[in-house]
Amino acid sequence: MAIAPKAYLVGGPRDLPERIVDILPSGLEIKISHRGGYEHFKPTPHTEATPEGELPVYEWSGRTKVAE
């Protein structure tokens, strides 16, 4: 069983439920569904020491709203 790579998210809403998330595929933008929209995170060249090891840092780049 393969373990999905993970990322550490910085920036964006303070109330995001998780800051360590799976990334598939690695290196592309991450979209997190949150409060009726999506929070977008882009990869950076940085890493962060976390309880799950050294992880790539993805930085918040914006939000899109889901049309009602």
PDB file of N, CA and C in Angstrom:
ATOM      1  N   MET A   1       0.844  -1.178   0.000  1.00  0.00           N
ATOM      2  CA  MET A   1       0.000   0.000   0.000  1.00  0.00           C
ATOM      3  C   MET A   1       0.893   1.246   0.000  1.00  0.00           C
ATOM      4  N   ALA A   2       0.742   2.102  -0.977  1.00  0.00           N
ATOM      5  CA  ALA A   2       1.549   3.315  -1.086  1.00  0.00           C
ATOM      6  C   ALA A   2       0.998   4.396  -0.162  1.00  0.00           C
ATOM      7  N   ILE A   3       1.905   5.155   0.434  1.00  0.00           N
ATOM      8  CA  ILE A   3       1.508   6.258   1.299  1.00  0.00           C
ATOM      9  C   ILE A   3       1.507   7.535   0.466  1.00  0.00           C
ATOM     10  N   ALA A   4       0.401   8.274   0.524  1.00  0.00           N
ATOM     11  CA  ALA A   4       0.290   9.518  -0.248  1.00  0.00           C
ATOM     12  C   ALA A   4       1.250  10.554   0.315  1.00  0.00           C
ATOM     13  N   PRO A   5       1.921  11.319  -0.566  1.00  0.00           N
ATOM     14  CA  PRO A   5       2.768  12.401  -0.066  1.00  0.00           C
ATOM     15  C   PRO A   5       1.899  13.459   0.623  1.00  0.00           C
ATOM     16  N   LYS A   6       2.496  14.177   1.537  1.00  0.00           N
ATOM     17  CA  LYS A   6       1.758  15.195   2.291  1.00  0.00           C
ATOM     18  C   LYS A   6       2.404  16.559   2.115  1.00  0.00           C
ATOM     19  N   ALA A   7       1.632  17.603   2.433  1.00  0.00           N
ATOM     20  CA  ALA A   7       2.105  18.984   2.364  1.00  0.00           C
ATOM     21  C   ALA A   7       1.671  19.715   3.619  1.00  0.00           C
ATOM     22  N   TYR A   8       2.404  20.778   3.932  1.00  0.00           N
ATOM     23  CA  TYR A   8       2.067  21.652   5.042  1.00  0.00           C
ATOM     24  C   TYR A   8       1.535  22.955   4.455  1.00  0.00           C
ATOM     25  N   LEU A   9       0.319  23.352   4.853  1.00  0.00           N
ATOM     26  CA  LEU A   9      -0.335  24.540   4.312  1.00  0.00           C
ATOM     27  C   LEU A   9      -0.083  25.748   5.203  1.00  0.00           C
ATOM     28  N   VAL A  10       0.292  26.880   4.581  1.00  0.00           N
ATOM     29  CA  VAL A  10       0.467  28.131   5.327  1.00  0.00           C
ATOM     30  C   VAL A  10      -0.420  29.207   4.718  1.00  0.00           C
ATOM     31  N   GLY A  11      -0.898  30.105   5.567  1.00  0.00           N
ATOM     32  CA  GLY A  11      -1.758  31.192   5.109  1.00  0.00           C
ATOM     33  C   GLY A  11      -3.200  30.740   4.982  1.00  0.00           C
ATOM     34  N   GLY A  12      -4.005  31.621   4.440  1.00  0.00           N
ATOM     35  CA  GLY A  12      -5.420  31.325   4.262  1.00  0.00           C
ATOM     36  C   GLY A  12      -6.200  31.452   5.558  1.00  0.00           C
ATOM     37  N   PRO A  13      -7.435  30.949   5.567  1.00  0.00           N
ATOM     38  CA  PRO A  13      -8.298  31.081   6.740  1.00  0.00           C
ATOM     39  C   PRO A  13      -7.705  30.391   7.966  1.00  0.00           C
ATOM     40  N   ARG A  14      -7.869  31.030   9.103  1.00  0.00           N
ATOM     41  CA  ARG A  14      -7.352  30.455  10.350  1.00  0.00           C
ATOM     42  C   ARG A  14      -8.123  29.217  10.776  1.00  0.00           C
ATOM     43  N   ASP A  15      -9.359  29.095  10.294  1.00  0.00           N
ATOM     44  CA  ASP A  15     -10.190  27.978  10.749  1.00  0.00           C
ATOM     45  C   ASP A  15     -10.172  26.766   9.809  1.00  0.00           C
ATOM     46  N   LEU A  16      -9.153  26.654   8.964  1.00  0.00           N
ATOM     47  CA  LEU A  16      -9.041  25.437   8.151  1.00  0.00           C
ATOM     48  C   LEU A  16      -8.931  24.237   9.091  1.00  0.00           C
ATOM     49  N   PRO A  17      -9.639  23.154   8.800  1.00  0.00           N
ATOM     50  CA  PRO A  17      -9.619  22.021   9.720  1.00  0.00           C
ATOM     51  C   PRO A  17      -8.273  21.294   9.788  1.00  0.00           C
ATOM     52  N   GLU A  18      -7.472  21.351   8.730  1.00  0.00           N
ATOM     53  CA  GLU A  18      -6.196  20.641   8.703  1.00  0.00           C
ATOM     54  C   GLU A  18      -5.129  21.504   8.057  1.00  0.00           C
ATOM     55  N   ARG A  19      -3.910  21.400   8.544  1.00  0.00           N
ATOM     56  CA  ARG A  19      -2.767  22.098   7.937  1.00  0.00           C
ATOM     57  C   ARG A  19      -1.809  21.126   7.272  1.00  0.00           C
ATOM     58  N   ILE A  20      -1.960  19.837   7.560  1.00  0.00           N
ATOM     59  CA  ILE A  20      -1.185  18.803   6.884  1.00  0.00           C
ATOM     60  C   ILE A  20      -2.172  17.988   6.065  1.00  0.00           C
ATOM     61  N   VAL A  21      -1.965  17.973   4.739  1.00  0.00           N
ATOM     62  CA  VAL A  21      -2.915  17.327   3.833  1.00  0.00           C
ATOM     63  C   VAL A  21      -2.180  16.448   2.829  1.00  0.00           C
ATOM     64  N   ASP A  22      -2.904  15.471   2.269  1.00  0.00           N
ATOM     65  CA  ASP A  22      -2.363  14.658   1.180  1.00  0.00           C
ATOM     66  C   ASP A  22      -2.257  15.497  -0.080  1.00  0.00           C
ATOM     67  N   ILE A  23      -1.249  15.218  -0.899  1.00  0.00           N
ATOM     68  CA  ILE A  23      -1.118  15.903  -2.184  1.00  0.00           C
ATOM     69  C   ILE A  23      -0.992  14.864  -3.297  1.00  0.00           C
ATOM     70  N   LEU A  24      -1.930  14.913  -4.209  1.00  0.00           N
ATOM     71  CA  LEU A  24      -1.917  14.035  -5.380  1.00  0.00           C
ATOM     72  C   LEU A  24      -2.400  14.822  -6.573  1.00  0.00           C
ATOM     73  N   PRO A  25      -1.664  14.960  -7.613  1.00  0.00           N
ATOM     74  CA  PRO A  25      -0.241  14.642  -7.719  1.00  0.00           C
ATOM     75  C   PRO A  25       0.604  15.729  -7.074  1.00  0.00           C
ATOM     76  N   SER A  26       1.785  15.358  -6.697  1.00  0.00           N
ATOM     77  CA  SER A  26       2.711  16.269  -6.025  1.00  0.00           C
ATOM     78  C   SER A  26       3.157  17.397  -6.958  1.00  0.00           C
ATOM     79  N   GLY A  27       3.340  18.593  -6.383  1.00  0.00           N
ATOM     80  CA  GLY A  27       3.867  19.715  -7.156  1.00  0.00           C
ATOM     81  C   GLY A  27       2.832  20.596  -7.816  1.00  0.00           C
ATOM     82  N   LEU A  28       1.563  20.204  -7.787  1.00  0.00           N
ATOM     83  CA  LEU A  28       0.512  21.012  -8.390  1.00  0.00           C
ATOM     84  C   LEU A  28      -0.270  21.745  -7.307  1.00  0.00           C
ATOM     85  N   GLU A  29      -1.080  22.704  -7.719  1.00  0.00           N
ATOM     86  CA  GLU A  29      -1.906  23.459  -6.770  1.00  0.00           C
ATOM     87  C   GLU A  29      -2.831  22.521  -5.997  1.00  0.00           C
ATOM     88  N   ILE A  30      -3.052  22.862  -4.731  1.00  0.00           N
ATOM     89  CA  ILE A  30      -3.984  22.124  -3.882  1.00  0.00           C
ATOM     90  C   ILE A  30      -5.239  22.970  -3.710  1.00  0.00           C
ATOM     91  N   LYS A  31      -6.420  22.338  -3.839  1.00  0.00           N
ATOM     92  CA  LYS A  31      -7.702  23.020  -3.589  1.00  0.00           C
ATOM     93  C   LYS A  31      -8.358  22.340  -2.397  1.00  0.00           C
ATOM     94  N   ILE A  32      -8.710  23.155  -1.389  1.00  0.00           N
ATOM     95  CA  ILE A  32      -9.369  22.640  -0.190  1.00  0.00           C
ATOM     96  C   ILE A  32     -10.782  23.218  -0.142  1.00  0.00           C
ATOM     97  N   SER A  33     -11.780  22.339  -0.097  1.00  0.00           N
ATOM     98  CA  SER A  33     -13.160  22.782   0.033  1.00  0.00           C
ATOM     99  C   SER A  33     -13.357  23.340   1.435  1.00  0.00           C
ATOM    100  N   HIS A  34     -13.883  24.599   1.502  1.00  0.00           N
ATOM    101  CA  HIS A  34     -14.017  25.242   2.810  1.00  0.00           C
ATOM    102  C   HIS A  34     -15.047  26.362   2.735  1.00  0.00           C
ATOM    103  N   ARG A  35     -16.063  26.306   3.590  1.00  0.00           N
ATOM    104  CA  ARG A  35     -17.078  27.363   3.740  1.00  0.00           C
ATOM    105  C   ARG A  35     -17.669  27.840   2.412  1.00  0.00           C
ATOM    106  N   GLY A  36     -18.151  26.916   1.610  1.00  0.00           N
ATOM    107  CA  GLY A  36     -18.834  27.277   0.369  1.00  0.00           C
ATOM    108  C   GLY A  36     -17.929  27.712  -0.766  1.00  0.00           C
ATOM    109  N   GLY A  37     -16.674  27.349  -0.695  1.00  0.00           N
ATOM    110  CA  GLY A  37     -15.737  27.699  -1.759  1.00  0.00           C
ATOM    111  C   GLY A  37     -14.517  26.814  -1.699  1.00  0.00           C
ATOM    112  N   TYR A  38     -13.458  27.253  -2.355  1.00  0.00           N
ATOM    113  CA  TYR A  38     -12.199  26.522  -2.352  1.00  0.00           C
ATOM    114  C   TYR A  38     -11.067  27.458  -1.976  1.00  0.00           C
ATOM    115  N   GLU A  39     -10.199  26.985  -1.095  1.00  0.00           N
ATOM    116  CA  GLU A  39      -8.968  27.683  -0.754  1.00  0.00           C
ATOM    117  C   GLU A  39      -7.879  27.073  -1.627  1.00  0.00           C
ATOM    118  N   HIS A  40      -7.095  27.922  -2.288  1.00  0.00           N
ATOM    119  CA  HIS A  40      -6.063  27.463  -3.212  1.00  0.00           C
ATOM    120  C   HIS A  40      -4.686  27.666  -2.595  1.00  0.00           C
ATOM    121  N   PHE A  41      -3.838  26.657  -2.719  1.00  0.00           N
ATOM    122  CA  PHE A  41      -2.477  26.693  -2.190  1.00  0.00           C
ATOM    123  C   PHE A  41      -1.512  26.266  -3.287  1.00  0.00           C
ATOM    124  N   LYS A  42      -0.429  27.031  -3.449  1.00  0.00           N
ATOM    125  CA  LYS A  42       0.584  26.731  -4.467  1.00  0.00           C
ATOM    126  C   LYS A  42       1.874  26.281  -3.794  1.00  0.00           C
ATOM    127  N   PRO A  43       2.624  25.390  -4.471  1.00  0.00           N
ATOM    128  CA  PRO A  43       3.878  24.918  -3.878  1.00  0.00           C
ATOM    129  C   PRO A  43       4.912  26.035  -3.776  1.00  0.00           C
ATOM    130  N   THR A  44       5.763  25.944  -2.767  1.00  0.00           N
ATOM    131  CA  THR A  44       6.880  26.876  -2.587  1.00  0.00           C
ATOM    132  C   THR A  44       8.165  26.040  -2.566  1.00  0.00           C
ATOM    133  N   PRO A  45       9.319  26.679  -2.603  1.00  0.00           N
ATOM    134  CA  PRO A  45      10.570  25.914  -2.506  1.00  0.00           C
ATOM    135  C   PRO A  45      10.937  25.554  -1.061  1.00  0.00           C
ATOM    136  N   HIS A  46      10.076  25.876  -0.109  1.00  0.00           N
ATOM    137  CA  HIS A  46      10.376  25.695   1.311  1.00  0.00           C
ATOM    138  C   HIS A  46       9.859  24.360   1.852  1.00  0.00           C
ATOM    139  N   THR A  47      10.407  23.951   2.990  1.00  0.00           N
ATOM    140  CA  THR A  47       9.911  22.791   3.725  1.00  0.00           C
ATOM    141  C   THR A  47       9.690  23.203   5.177  1.00  0.00           C
ATOM    142  N   GLU A  48       8.939  22.380   5.895  1.00  0.00           N
ATOM    143  CA  GLU A  48       8.620  22.662   7.300  1.00  0.00           C
ATOM    144  C   GLU A  48       8.750  21.358   8.092  1.00  0.00           C
ATOM    145  N   ALA A  49       9.405  21.436   9.246  1.00  0.00           N
ATOM    146  CA  ALA A  49       9.483  20.288  10.147  1.00  0.00           C
ATOM    147  C   ALA A  49       8.132  20.151  10.844  1.00  0.00           C
ATOM    148  N   THR A  50       7.507  18.991  10.724  1.00  0.00           N
ATOM    149  CA  THR A  50       6.200  18.731  11.332  1.00  0.00           C
ATOM    150  C   THR A  50       6.259  17.413  12.097  1.00  0.00           C
ATOM    151  N   PRO A  51       5.229  17.083  12.868  1.00  0.00           N
ATOM    152  CA  PRO A  51       5.193  15.777  13.530  1.00  0.00           C
ATOM    153  C   PRO A  51       5.218  14.611  12.538  1.00  0.00           C
ATOM    154  N   GLU A  52       4.883  14.878  11.261  1.00  0.00           N
ATOM    155  CA  GLU A  52       4.889  13.836  10.233  1.00  0.00           C
ATOM    156  C   GLU A  52       6.156  13.873   9.382  1.00  0.00           C
ATOM    157  N   GLY A  53       7.164  14.624   9.845  1.00  0.00           N
ATOM    158  CA  GLY A  53       8.432  14.717   9.121  1.00  0.00           C
ATOM    159  C   GLY A  53       8.550  16.042   8.385  1.00  0.00           C
ATOM    160  N   GLU A  54       9.606  16.180   7.612  1.00  0.00           N
ATOM    161  CA  GLU A  54       9.863  17.388   6.822  1.00  0.00           C
ATOM    162  C   GLU A  54       8.936  17.360   5.603  1.00  0.00           C
ATOM    163  N   LEU A  55       8.078  18.371   5.489  1.00  0.00           N
ATOM    164  CA  LEU A  55       7.079  18.388   4.415  1.00  0.00           C
ATOM    165  C   LEU A  55       7.240  19.627   3.552  1.00  0.00           C
ATOM    166  N   PRO A  56       6.882  19.519   2.259  1.00  0.00           N
ATOM    167  CA  PRO A  56       6.895  20.702   1.406  1.00  0.00           C
ATOM    168  C   PRO A  56       5.831  21.695   1.872  1.00  0.00           C
ATOM    169  N   VAL A  57       6.138  22.980   1.764  1.00  0.00           N
ATOM    170  CA  VAL A  57       5.207  24.035   2.158  1.00  0.00           C
ATOM    171  C   VAL A  57       4.426  24.502   0.935  1.00  0.00           C
ATOM    172  N   TYR A  58       3.113  24.575   1.094  1.00  0.00           N
ATOM    173  CA  TYR A  58       2.221  25.136   0.084  1.00  0.00           C
ATOM    174  C   TYR A  58       1.620  26.393   0.691  1.00  0.00           C
ATOM    175  N   GLU A  59       1.670  27.487  -0.052  1.00  0.00           N
ATOM    176  CA  GLU A  59       1.225  28.783   0.457  1.00  0.00           C
ATOM    177  C   GLU A  59      -0.110  29.171  -0.160  1.00  0.00           C
ATOM    178  N   TRP A  60      -0.976  29.742   0.667  1.00  0.00           N
ATOM    179  CA  TRP A  60      -2.295  30.172   0.211  1.00  0.00           C
ATOM    180  C   TRP A  60      -2.150  31.199  -0.907  1.00  0.00           C
ATOM    181  N   SER A  61      -2.915  31.011  -1.984  1.00  0.00           N
ATOM    182  CA  SER A  61      -2.825  31.922  -3.132  1.00  0.00           C
ATOM    183  C   SER A  61      -4.153  32.568  -3.482  1.00  0.00           C
ATOM    184  N   GLY A  62      -5.239  32.139  -2.839  1.00  0.00           N
ATOM    185  CA  GLY A  62      -6.521  32.764  -3.125  1.00  0.00           C
ATOM    186  C   GLY A  62      -7.687  31.840  -2.818  1.00  0.00           C
ATOM    187  N   ARG A  63      -8.858  32.366  -3.070  1.00  0.00           N
ATOM    188  CA  ARG A  63     -10.106  31.651  -2.787  1.00  0.00           C
ATOM    189  C   ARG A  63     -11.045  31.810  -3.970  1.00  0.00           C
ATOM    190  N   THR A  64     -11.758  30.754  -4.276  1.00  0.00           N
ATOM    191  CA  THR A  64     -12.838  30.833  -5.243  1.00  0.00           C
ATOM    192  C   THR A  64     -14.125  30.418  -4.542  1.00  0.00           C
ATOM    193  N   LYS A  65     -15.213  31.036  -4.930  1.00  0.00           N
ATOM    194  CA  LYS A  65     -16.512  30.749  -4.326  1.00  0.00           C
ATOM    195  C   LYS A  65     -17.288  29.804  -5.235  1.00  0.00           C
ATOM    196  N   VAL A  66     -18.014  28.880  -4.632  1.00  0.00           N
ATOM    197  CA  VAL A  66     -18.861  27.965  -5.389  1.00  0.00           C
ATOM    198  C   VAL A  66     -20.169  28.689  -5.699  1.00  0.00           C
ATOM    199  N   ALA A  67     -20.570  28.664  -6.964  1.00  0.00           N
ATOM    200  CA  ALA A  67     -21.821  29.314  -7.376  1.00  0.00           C
ATOM    201  C   ALA A  67     -23.007  28.592  -6.736  1.00  0.00           C
ATOM    202  N   GLU A  68     -23.956  29.361  -6.268  1.00  0.00           N
ATOM    203  CA  GLU A  68     -25.147  28.774  -5.633  1.00  0.00           C
ATOM    204  C   GLU A  68     -26.261  28.611  -6.617  1.00  0.00           C
TER     205      GLU A  68
END
